[in-house]
Amino acid sequence: MSGAVAFLPMYAVRGTRRHADTLWNCLRDAIRSSGIEAPDHVSDFEPRLKGWSHPDLILGQTCGLPYITRLCDAVELVGTPDYGVEGCPAGFYHSTLVVSAADARQRLSDFFNSTLAINGRDSQSGYGAIMAAAAPFAQQGRFFRRAVRTGSHEASMRLVARGVADIAAIDSVTWRMSRQFDPGISGVRSIGTTEPTPGLPFIAASGKPKVKLLDAVRAGLAVLPLETRRAFGLRDVLPFRKGDYEVIKTNLAQAEAVHSLPEIEDVAATSR
């Protein structure tokens, strides 16, 4: 049995499991064809940092914020997938600002003193992006009155739909996929997007052959069935570098110097 580990948790949108399985099957076969060990199936890890830091990780996908703040000096950056996000350069993405479909407010500035739902404080799309976007509207070091941590973009959207929170920033690839596959998020709408930043990188454990892996991942995507390619919007994987992600850390530091969240409340699973 292969000792290699794969961990691809970032776009596990409800209703897309078969596409995720197809994606991994194509990537796995291409990696093996290049002479590199690859596991039959992807693994689950909790906390996620355990998977991203696994010494046998052959292919993982992480968020740009934990990558640049915690992982970048301990893993190999294989490449950055291009999901064809509208309004973004290749390999970049942004967050979609979502509010209840019943909420009449139209701009982020209208949500001063509101309740923010975040999937986690280590998320660029759910936390870093909206902190940067809200900074120009902060007053006396605050913009949001209250913040709740939900654990996932899906849970954040459902809380916003129910009025438990007023607004959330959702990874725009997740937003696009959820609108197609998850009818449970029909109660929210978009009021705009944040500034583009580099997308969610593919990584491997330190010492793994990153150039060879990038070529293998590209080969796997080349044979991906059209239906699965469209489900994710995958176009290519690009050879981004560590320095490309520094902007995420810089933007967040600048935003947190202007305003901070109140104490973040963890939302009970029963409220999701």
C-alpha atoms as a PDB file:
ATOM      1  CA  MET A   1       0.000   0.000   0.000  1.00  0.00           C
ATOM      2  CA  SER A   2       1.323   3.428  -0.914  1.00  0.00           C
ATOM      3  CA  GLY A   3       2.613   5.573   1.934  1.00  0.00           C
ATOM      4  CA  ALA A   4       1.858   8.752   0.007  1.00  0.00           C
ATOM      5  CA  VAL A   5      -0.972  11.009   1.181  1.00  0.00           C
ATOM      6  CA  ALA A   6      -3.308  13.316  -0.766  1.00  0.00           C
ATOM      7  CA  PHE A   7      -5.399  15.989   0.919  1.00  0.00           C
ATOM      8  CA  LEU A   8      -7.720  18.178  -1.193  1.00  0.00           C
ATOM      9  CA  PRO A   9     -10.340  19.663   1.158  1.00  0.00           C
ATOM     10  CA  MET A  10     -10.889  23.124  -0.251  1.00  0.00           C
ATOM     11  CA  TYR A  11     -13.751  22.737  -2.739  1.00  0.00           C
ATOM     12  CA  ALA A  12     -15.799  19.958  -1.158  1.00  0.00           C
ATOM     13  CA  VAL A  13     -19.087  21.625  -2.070  1.00  0.00           C
ATOM     14  CA  ARG A  14     -22.269  19.709  -1.298  1.00  0.00           C
ATOM     15  CA  GLY A  15     -23.453  17.813  -4.365  1.00  0.00           C
ATOM     16  CA  THR A  16     -20.029  17.610  -6.063  1.00  0.00           C
ATOM     17  CA  ARG A  17     -18.542  14.460  -4.517  1.00  0.00           C
ATOM     18  CA  ARG A  18     -18.514  12.513  -7.785  1.00  0.00           C
ATOM     19  CA  HIS A  19     -16.661  15.330  -9.500  1.00  0.00           C
ATOM     20  CA  ALA A  20     -14.111  15.463  -6.666  1.00  0.00           C
ATOM     21  CA  ASP A  21     -13.567  11.705  -7.016  1.00  0.00           C
ATOM     22  CA  THR A  22     -13.150  12.015 -10.776  1.00  0.00           C
ATOM     23  CA  LEU A  23     -10.670  14.861 -10.353  1.00  0.00           C
ATOM     24  CA  TRP A  24      -8.522  12.871  -7.954  1.00  0.00           C
ATOM     25  CA  ASN A  25      -8.643   9.755 -10.126  1.00  0.00           C
ATOM     26  CA  CYS A  26      -7.260  11.734 -13.074  1.00  0.00           C
ATOM     27  CA  LEU A  27      -4.599  13.443 -10.962  1.00  0.00           C
ATOM     28  CA  ARG A  28      -3.617  10.178  -9.238  1.00  0.00           C
ATOM     29  CA  ASP A  29      -3.185   8.295 -12.507  1.00  0.00           C
ATOM     30  CA  ALA A  30      -1.089  11.088 -14.017  1.00  0.00           C
ATOM     31  CA  ILE A  31       1.102  11.303 -10.909  1.00  0.00           C
ATOM     32  CA  ARG A  32       1.657   7.549 -10.978  1.00  0.00           C
ATOM     33  CA  SER A  33       2.418   7.663 -14.697  1.00  0.00           C
ATOM     34  CA  SER A  34       5.199  10.133 -13.923  1.00  0.00           C
ATOM     35  CA  GLY A  35       6.799   7.585 -11.595  1.00  0.00           C
ATOM     36  CA  ILE A  36       5.646   9.139  -8.308  1.00  0.00           C
ATOM     37  CA  GLU A  37       3.680   7.256  -5.658  1.00  0.00           C
ATOM     38  CA  ALA A  38       0.091   8.394  -5.190  1.00  0.00           C
ATOM     39  CA  PRO A  39      -2.627   6.982  -2.908  1.00  0.00           C
ATOM     40  CA  ASP A  40      -5.818   5.394  -4.188  1.00  0.00           C
ATOM     41  CA  HIS A  41      -7.971   7.971  -2.376  1.00  0.00           C
ATOM     42  CA  VAL A  42      -7.635  11.359  -0.716  1.00  0.00           C
ATOM     43  CA  SER A  43      -7.481  11.487   3.069  1.00  0.00           C
ATOM     44  CA  ASP A  44      -9.396  13.540   5.624  1.00  0.00           C
ATOM     45  CA  PHE A  45      -7.580  15.392   8.399  1.00  0.00           C
ATOM     46  CA  GLU A  46      -8.767  17.437  11.336  1.00  0.00           C
ATOM     47  CA  PRO A  47      -7.333  19.906  11.999  1.00  0.00           C
ATOM     48  CA  ARG A  48      -6.463  20.634   8.396  1.00  0.00           C
ATOM     49  CA  LEU A  49      -2.988  21.786   9.316  1.00  0.00           C
ATOM     50  CA  LYS A  50      -2.203  18.160  10.154  1.00  0.00           C
ATOM     51  CA  GLY A  51      -2.881  17.162   6.544  1.00  0.00           C
ATOM     52  CA  TRP A  52      -1.104  20.138   4.991  1.00  0.00           C
ATOM     53  CA  SER A  53       1.966  19.432   7.148  1.00  0.00           C
ATOM     54  CA  HIS A  54       1.983  15.646   6.637  1.00  0.00           C
ATOM     55  CA  PRO A  55       5.521  14.420   5.827  1.00  0.00           C
ATOM     56  CA  ASP A  56       4.156  12.090   3.113  1.00  0.00           C
ATOM     57  CA  LEU A  57       1.888  14.629   1.423  1.00  0.00           C
ATOM     58  CA  ILE A  58       2.224  14.129  -2.324  1.00  0.00           C
ATOM     59  CA  LEU A  59      -0.496  16.601  -3.264  1.00  0.00           C
ATOM     60  CA  GLY A  60      -2.573  18.910  -1.131  1.00  0.00           C
ATOM     61  CA  GLN A  61      -4.523  22.107  -1.566  1.00  0.00           C
ATOM     62  CA  THR A  62      -4.520  24.839   1.021  1.00  0.00           C
ATOM     63  CA  CYS A  63      -5.718  28.421   1.387  1.00  0.00           C
ATOM     64  CA  GLY A  64      -3.348  31.255   0.592  1.00  0.00           C
ATOM     65  CA  LEU A  65      -3.475  32.680   4.129  1.00  0.00           C
ATOM     66  CA  PRO A  66      -2.231  29.600   6.020  1.00  0.00           C
ATOM     67  CA  TYR A  67       0.188  28.958   3.176  1.00  0.00           C
ATOM     68  CA  ILE A  68       1.964  32.301   3.467  1.00  0.00           C
ATOM     69  CA  THR A  69       1.709  32.653   7.259  1.00  0.00           C
ATOM     70  CA  ARG A  70       2.415  29.086   8.429  1.00  0.00           C
ATOM     71  CA  LEU A  71       3.288  26.628   5.671  1.00  0.00           C
ATOM     72  CA  CYS A  72       5.407  28.285   3.009  1.00  0.00           C
ATOM     73  CA  ASP A  73       8.808  27.484   4.523  1.00  0.00           C
ATOM     74  CA  ALA A  74       7.870  23.871   5.318  1.00  0.00           C
ATOM     75  CA  VAL A  75       6.198  22.661   2.089  1.00  0.00           C
ATOM     76  CA  GLU A  76       6.751  22.704  -1.659  1.00  0.00           C
ATOM     77  CA  LEU A  77       4.540  25.005  -3.739  1.00  0.00           C
ATOM     78  CA  VAL A  78       3.528  22.815  -6.692  1.00  0.00           C
ATOM     79  CA  GLY A  79       1.401  25.413  -8.500  1.00  0.00           C
ATOM     80  CA  THR A  80      -1.746  27.489  -8.415  1.00  0.00           C
ATOM     81  CA  PRO A  81      -4.891  26.322 -10.204  1.00  0.00           C
ATOM     82  CA  ASP A  82      -6.722  28.699 -12.492  1.00  0.00           C
ATOM     83  CA  TYR A  83     -10.484  28.386 -11.953  1.00  0.00           C
ATOM     84  CA  GLY A  84     -11.417  31.001 -14.514  1.00  0.00           C
ATOM     85  CA  VAL A  85     -12.917  33.372 -11.932  1.00  0.00           C
ATOM     86  CA  GLU A  86     -14.615  36.282 -13.672  1.00  0.00           C
ATOM     87  CA  GLY A  87     -12.861  39.598 -13.145  1.00  0.00           C
ATOM     88  CA  CYS A  88      -9.601  37.994 -11.996  1.00  0.00           C
ATOM     89  CA  PRO A  89      -6.247  37.355 -13.699  1.00  0.00           C
ATOM     90  CA  ALA A  90      -5.376  33.731 -14.406  1.00  0.00           C
ATOM     91  CA  GLY A  91      -4.685  31.882 -11.167  1.00  0.00           C
ATOM     92  CA  PHE A  92      -6.316  34.587  -9.031  1.00  0.00           C
ATOM     93  CA  TYR A  93      -9.675  34.582  -7.291  1.00  0.00           C
ATOM     94  CA  HIS A  94     -11.704  36.803  -5.004  1.00  0.00           C
ATOM     95  CA  SER A  95     -14.495  36.509  -2.481  1.00  0.00           C
ATOM     96  CA  THR A  96     -18.173  37.123  -3.124  1.00  0.00           C
ATOM     97  CA  LEU A  97     -19.930  39.207  -0.478  1.00  0.00           C
ATOM     98  CA  VAL A  98     -23.216  37.475   0.299  1.00  0.00           C
ATOM     99  CA  VAL A  99     -26.220  38.750   2.243  1.00  0.00           C
ATOM    100  CA  SER A 100     -29.742  37.531   2.806  1.00  0.00           C
ATOM    101  CA  ALA A 101     -31.947  37.704  -0.264  1.00  0.00           C
ATOM    102  CA  ALA A 102     -34.407  39.643   1.938  1.00  0.00           C
ATOM    103  CA  ASP A 103     -31.816  42.274   2.929  1.00  0.00           C
ATOM    104  CA  ALA A 104     -32.239  45.552   1.036  1.00  0.00           C
ATOM    105  CA  ARG A 105     -28.702  46.834   1.664  1.00  0.00           C
ATOM    106  CA  GLN A 106     -26.596  47.051  -1.506  1.00  0.00           C
ATOM    107  CA  ARG A 107     -22.987  47.904  -0.538  1.00  0.00           C
ATOM    108  CA  LEU A 108     -20.457  46.690   2.004  1.00  0.00           C
ATOM    109  CA  SER A 109     -20.377  50.158   3.589  1.00  0.00           C
ATOM    110  CA  ASP A 110     -24.069  49.695   4.442  1.00  0.00           C
ATOM    111  CA  PHE A 111     -23.123  46.863   6.807  1.00  0.00           C
ATOM    112  CA  PHE A 112     -21.323  48.961   9.408  1.00  0.00           C
ATOM    113  CA  ASN A 113     -22.113  47.650  12.907  1.00  0.00           C
ATOM    114  CA  SER A 114     -23.476  44.377  11.490  1.00  0.00           C
ATOM    115  CA  THR A 115     -22.805  40.698  12.253  1.00  0.00           C
ATOM    116  CA  LEU A 116     -20.173  38.953  10.140  1.00  0.00           C
ATOM    117  CA  ALA A 117     -20.039  35.188   9.614  1.00  0.00           C
ATOM    118  CA  ILE A 118     -16.574  33.764   8.958  1.00  0.00           C
ATOM    119  CA  ASN A 119     -15.654  30.181   8.201  1.00  0.00           C
ATOM    120  CA  GLY A 120     -12.395  30.625  10.115  1.00  0.00           C
ATOM    121  CA  ARG A 121      -9.806  33.215  10.977  1.00  0.00           C
ATOM    122  CA  ASP A 122      -7.215  31.315   8.943  1.00  0.00           C
ATOM    123  CA  SER A 123      -9.220  31.804   5.737  1.00  0.00           C
ATOM    124  CA  GLN A 124      -8.179  34.390   3.165  1.00  0.00           C
ATOM    125  CA  SER A 125     -11.536  34.200   1.377  1.00  0.00           C
ATOM    126  CA  GLY A 126     -13.722  34.241   4.488  1.00  0.00           C
ATOM    127  CA  TYR A 127     -11.682  36.502   6.765  1.00  0.00           C
ATOM    128  CA  GLY A 128      -8.684  38.199   5.151  1.00  0.00           C
ATOM    129  CA  ALA A 129     -10.515  39.432   2.064  1.00  0.00           C
ATOM    130  CA  ILE A 130     -13.438  41.051   3.882  1.00  0.00           C
ATOM    131  CA  MET A 131     -11.196  42.572   6.552  1.00  0.00           C
ATOM    132  CA  ALA A 132      -9.265  44.331   3.785  1.00  0.00           C
ATOM    133  CA  ALA A 133     -12.448  45.351   1.958  1.00  0.00           C
ATOM    134  CA  ALA A 134     -14.067  46.791   5.103  1.00  0.00           C
ATOM    135  CA  ALA A 135     -11.007  48.697   6.353  1.00  0.00           C
ATOM    136  CA  PRO A 136     -11.823  51.974   4.487  1.00  0.00           C
ATOM    137  CA  PHE A 137     -15.208  52.127   6.226  1.00  0.00           C
ATOM    138  CA  ALA A 138     -14.040  51.348   9.774  1.00  0.00           C
ATOM    139  CA  GLN A 139     -14.658  53.833  12.573  1.00  0.00           C
ATOM    140  CA  GLN A 140     -12.617  53.967  15.769  1.00  0.00           C
ATOM    141  CA  GLY A 141     -10.989  50.651  15.009  1.00  0.00           C
ATOM    142  CA  ARG A 142     -14.151  48.694  14.253  1.00  0.00           C
ATOM    143  CA  PHE A 143     -16.480  47.962  11.351  1.00  0.00           C
ATOM    144  CA  PHE A 144     -18.390  44.872  12.451  1.00  0.00           C
ATOM    145  CA  ARG A 145     -20.325  44.830  15.713  1.00  0.00           C
ATOM    146  CA  ARG A 146     -20.282  41.045  16.075  1.00  0.00           C
ATOM    147  CA  ALA A 147     -18.542  38.076  14.454  1.00  0.00           C
ATOM    148  CA  VAL A 148     -19.469  34.397  14.450  1.00  0.00           C
ATOM    149  CA  ARG A 149     -17.247  31.519  13.354  1.00  0.00           C
ATOM    150  CA  THR A 150     -19.122  28.825  11.435  1.00  0.00           C
ATOM    151  CA  GLY A 151     -16.440  26.355  10.324  1.00  0.00           C
ATOM    152  CA  SER A 152     -17.305  26.373   6.610  1.00  0.00           C
ATOM    153  CA  HIS A 153     -18.461  28.609   3.788  1.00  0.00           C
ATOM    154  CA  GLU A 154     -21.577  26.469   3.481  1.00  0.00           C
ATOM    155  CA  ALA A 155     -22.504  27.064   7.125  1.00  0.00           C
ATOM    156  CA  SER A 156     -21.817  30.795   6.758  1.00  0.00           C
ATOM    157  CA  MET A 157     -24.195  31.057   3.805  1.00  0.00           C
ATOM    158  CA  ARG A 158     -26.924  29.186   5.637  1.00  0.00           C
ATOM    159  CA  LEU A 159     -26.607  31.433   8.695  1.00  0.00           C
ATOM    160  CA  VAL A 160     -26.815  34.516   6.502  1.00  0.00           C
ATOM    161  CA  ALA A 161     -29.872  33.098   4.728  1.00  0.00           C
ATOM    162  CA  ARG A 162     -31.570  32.622   8.100  1.00  0.00           C
ATOM    163  CA  GLY A 163     -30.661  36.077   9.362  1.00  0.00           C
ATOM    164  CA  VAL A 164     -28.384  34.799  12.144  1.00  0.00           C
ATOM    165  CA  ALA A 165     -25.584  36.794  10.493  1.00  0.00           C
ATOM    166  CA  ASP A 166     -25.839  39.766   8.147  1.00  0.00           C
ATOM    167  CA  ILE A 167     -22.978  39.175   5.724  1.00  0.00           C
ATOM    168  CA  ALA A 168     -20.219  36.724   4.793  1.00  0.00           C
ATOM    169  CA  ALA A 169     -17.349  36.610   2.316  1.00  0.00           C
ATOM    170  CA  ILE A 170     -17.421  33.391   0.302  1.00  0.00           C
ATOM    171  CA  ASP A 171     -14.659  32.040  -1.926  1.00  0.00           C
ATOM    172  CA  SER A 172     -15.987  32.878  -5.398  1.00  0.00           C
ATOM    173  CA  VAL A 173     -15.275  29.369  -6.711  1.00  0.00           C
ATOM    174  CA  THR A 174     -17.266  27.926  -3.808  1.00  0.00           C
ATOM    175  CA  TRP A 175     -20.017  30.475  -4.486  1.00  0.00           C
ATOM    176  CA  ARG A 176     -20.155  29.552  -8.154  1.00  0.00           C
ATOM    177  CA  MET A 177     -20.223  25.823  -7.430  1.00  0.00           C
ATOM    178  CA  SER A 178     -22.768  26.151  -4.615  1.00  0.00           C
ATOM    179  CA  ARG A 179     -25.188  28.067  -6.813  1.00  0.00           C
ATOM    180  CA  GLN A 180     -25.005  25.222  -9.319  1.00  0.00           C
ATOM    181  CA  PHE A 181     -25.075  22.205  -7.005  1.00  0.00           C
ATOM    182  CA  ASP A 182     -26.451  23.202  -3.579  1.00  0.00           C
ATOM    183  CA  PRO A 183     -30.082  24.387  -3.494  1.00  0.00           C
ATOM    184  CA  GLY A 184     -29.698  25.101   0.221  1.00  0.00           C
ATOM    185  CA  ILE A 185     -27.987  28.431  -0.430  1.00  0.00           C
ATOM    186  CA  SER A 186     -30.834  29.918  -2.454  1.00  0.00           C
ATOM    187  CA  GLY A 187     -31.668  32.366   0.343  1.00  0.00           C
ATOM    188  CA  VAL A 188     -28.584  34.529  -0.214  1.00  0.00           C
ATOM    189  CA  ARG A 189     -27.464  36.936  -2.914  1.00  0.00           C
ATOM    190  CA  SER A 190     -24.280  38.748  -3.883  1.00  0.00           C
ATOM    191  CA  ILE A 191     -23.633  42.466  -3.340  1.00  0.00           C
ATOM    192  CA  GLY A 192     -20.153  42.452  -4.880  1.00  0.00           C
ATOM    193  CA  THR A 193     -16.673  40.993  -4.698  1.00  0.00           C
ATOM    194  CA  THR A 194     -13.372  41.717  -2.991  1.00  0.00           C
ATOM    195  CA  GLU A 195     -10.025  42.464  -4.628  1.00  0.00           C
ATOM    196  CA  PRO A 196      -8.370  39.514  -6.423  1.00  0.00           C
ATOM    197  CA  THR A 197      -5.528  37.639  -4.741  1.00  0.00           C
ATOM    198  CA  PRO A 198      -3.573  34.512  -5.770  1.00  0.00           C
ATOM    199  CA  GLY A 199      -5.699  31.377  -5.671  1.00  0.00           C
ATOM    200  CA  LEU A 200      -5.580  28.303  -3.469  1.00  0.00           C
ATOM    201  CA  PRO A 201      -2.207  26.617  -4.062  1.00  0.00           C
ATOM    202  CA  PHE A 202      -1.395  22.979  -4.604  1.00  0.00           C
ATOM    203  CA  ILE A 203       1.363  21.938  -2.207  1.00  0.00           C
ATOM    204  CA  ALA A 204       3.442  18.869  -1.363  1.00  0.00           C
ATOM    205  CA  ALA A 205       5.663  17.887   1.544  1.00  0.00           C
ATOM    206  CA  SER A 206       9.126  19.378   1.689  1.00  0.00           C
ATOM    207  CA  GLY A 207      11.523  17.592  -0.633  1.00  0.00           C
ATOM    208  CA  LYS A 208       8.880  16.261  -3.017  1.00  0.00           C
ATOM    209  CA  PRO A 209       9.572  16.839  -6.754  1.00  0.00           C
ATOM    210  CA  LYS A 210       7.448  19.951  -7.274  1.00  0.00           C
ATOM    211  CA  VAL A 211       8.297  20.512 -10.949  1.00  0.00           C
ATOM    212  CA  LYS A 212       7.540  16.906 -11.827  1.00  0.00           C
ATOM    213  CA  LEU A 213       4.333  17.100  -9.814  1.00  0.00           C
ATOM    214  CA  LEU A 214       3.242  20.270 -11.610  1.00  0.00           C
ATOM    215  CA  ASP A 215       3.721  18.545 -14.958  1.00  0.00           C
ATOM    216  CA  ALA A 216       1.758  15.527 -13.706  1.00  0.00           C
ATOM    217  CA  VAL A 217      -1.104  17.662 -12.382  1.00  0.00           C
ATOM    218  CA  ARG A 218      -1.334  19.452 -15.712  1.00  0.00           C
ATOM    219  CA  ALA A 219      -1.386  16.090 -17.485  1.00  0.00           C
ATOM    220  CA  GLY A 220      -4.192  14.939 -15.193  1.00  0.00           C
ATOM    221  CA  LEU A 221      -6.248  18.039 -15.902  1.00  0.00           C
ATOM    222  CA  ALA A 222      -5.753  17.540 -19.636  1.00  0.00           C
ATOM    223  CA  VAL A 223      -7.747  14.287 -19.502  1.00  0.00           C
ATOM    224  CA  LEU A 224     -10.366  15.512 -17.045  1.00  0.00           C
ATOM    225  CA  PRO A 225     -13.904  14.844 -18.344  1.00  0.00           C
ATOM    226  CA  LEU A 226     -15.567  18.027 -19.589  1.00  0.00           C
ATOM    227  CA  GLU A 227     -18.405  17.760 -17.066  1.00  0.00           C
ATOM    228  CA  THR A 228     -15.980  17.715 -14.135  1.00  0.00           C
ATOM    229  CA  ARG A 229     -13.808  20.459 -15.631  1.00  0.00           C
ATOM    230  CA  ARG A 230     -16.906  22.651 -15.896  1.00  0.00           C
ATOM    231  CA  ALA A 231     -18.066  21.788 -12.366  1.00  0.00           C
ATOM    232  CA  PHE A 232     -14.861  23.248 -10.909  1.00  0.00           C
ATOM    233  CA  GLY A 233     -14.139  25.720 -13.700  1.00  0.00           C
ATOM    234  CA  LEU A 234     -10.594  24.354 -13.861  1.00  0.00           C
ATOM    235  CA  ARG A 235      -8.478  25.660 -16.722  1.00  0.00           C
ATOM    236  CA  ASP A 236      -4.834  25.120 -15.804  1.00  0.00           C
ATOM    237  CA  VAL A 237      -2.280  25.051 -12.994  1.00  0.00           C
ATOM    238  CA  LEU A 238       0.261  27.865 -13.053  1.00  0.00           C
ATOM    239  CA  PRO A 239       3.802  27.987 -11.603  1.00  0.00           C
ATOM    240  CA  PHE A 240       3.220  30.632  -8.935  1.00  0.00           C
ATOM    241  CA  ARG A 241       5.926  31.258  -6.332  1.00  0.00           C
ATOM    242  CA  LYS A 242       5.991  31.996  -2.627  1.00  0.00           C
ATOM    243  CA  GLY A 243       6.506  35.708  -3.286  1.00  0.00           C
ATOM    244  CA  ASP A 244       3.222  35.905  -5.177  1.00  0.00           C
ATOM    245  CA  TYR A 245       1.400  35.217  -1.907  1.00  0.00           C
ATOM    246  CA  GLU A 246       3.076  37.907   0.182  1.00  0.00           C
ATOM    247  CA  VAL A 247       0.309  40.331  -0.832  1.00  0.00           C
ATOM    248  CA  ILE A 248      -2.167  38.308   1.250  1.00  0.00           C
ATOM    249  CA  LYS A 249      -0.113  38.752   4.412  1.00  0.00           C
ATOM    250  CA  THR A 250       0.530  42.424   3.655  1.00  0.00           C
ATOM    251  CA  ASN A 251      -3.131  43.235   2.983  1.00  0.00           C
ATOM    252  CA  LEU A 252      -4.286  41.520   6.158  1.00  0.00           C
ATOM    253  CA  ALA A 253      -1.673  43.248   8.315  1.00  0.00           C
ATOM    254  CA  GLN A 254      -2.724  46.620   6.924  1.00  0.00           C
ATOM    255  CA  ALA A 255      -6.417  45.840   7.511  1.00  0.00           C
ATOM    256  CA  GLU A 256      -5.875  44.613  11.081  1.00  0.00           C
ATOM    257  CA  ALA A 257      -3.940  47.795  11.831  1.00  0.00           C
ATOM    258  CA  VAL A 258      -7.092  49.749  10.951  1.00  0.00           C
ATOM    259  CA  HIS A 259      -9.812  47.622  12.518  1.00  0.00           C
ATOM    260  CA  SER A 260     -10.385  44.374  14.388  1.00  0.00           C
ATOM    261  CA  LEU A 261     -13.245  42.015  14.974  1.00  0.00           C
ATOM    262  CA  PRO A 262     -14.959  41.823  18.341  1.00  0.00           C
ATOM    263  CA  GLU A 263     -14.471  38.551  20.198  1.00  0.00           C
ATOM    264  CA  ILE A 264     -15.453  35.839  17.741  1.00  0.00           C
ATOM    265  CA  GLU A 265     -18.281  33.577  18.846  1.00  0.00           C
ATOM    266  CA  ASP A 266     -18.294  29.922  17.794  1.00  0.00           C
ATOM    267  CA  VAL A 267     -21.714  28.992  16.448  1.00  0.00           C
ATOM    268  CA  ALA A 268     -23.103  25.705  17.739  1.00  0.00           C
ATOM    269  CA  ALA A 269     -23.514  22.980  15.150  1.00  0.00           C
ATOM    270  CA  THR A 270     -27.260  22.909  15.806  1.00  0.00           C
ATOM    271  CA  SER A 271     -27.582  26.478  14.527  1.00  0.00           C
ATOM    272  CA  ARG A 272     -26.028  25.679  11.172  1.00  0.00           C
END
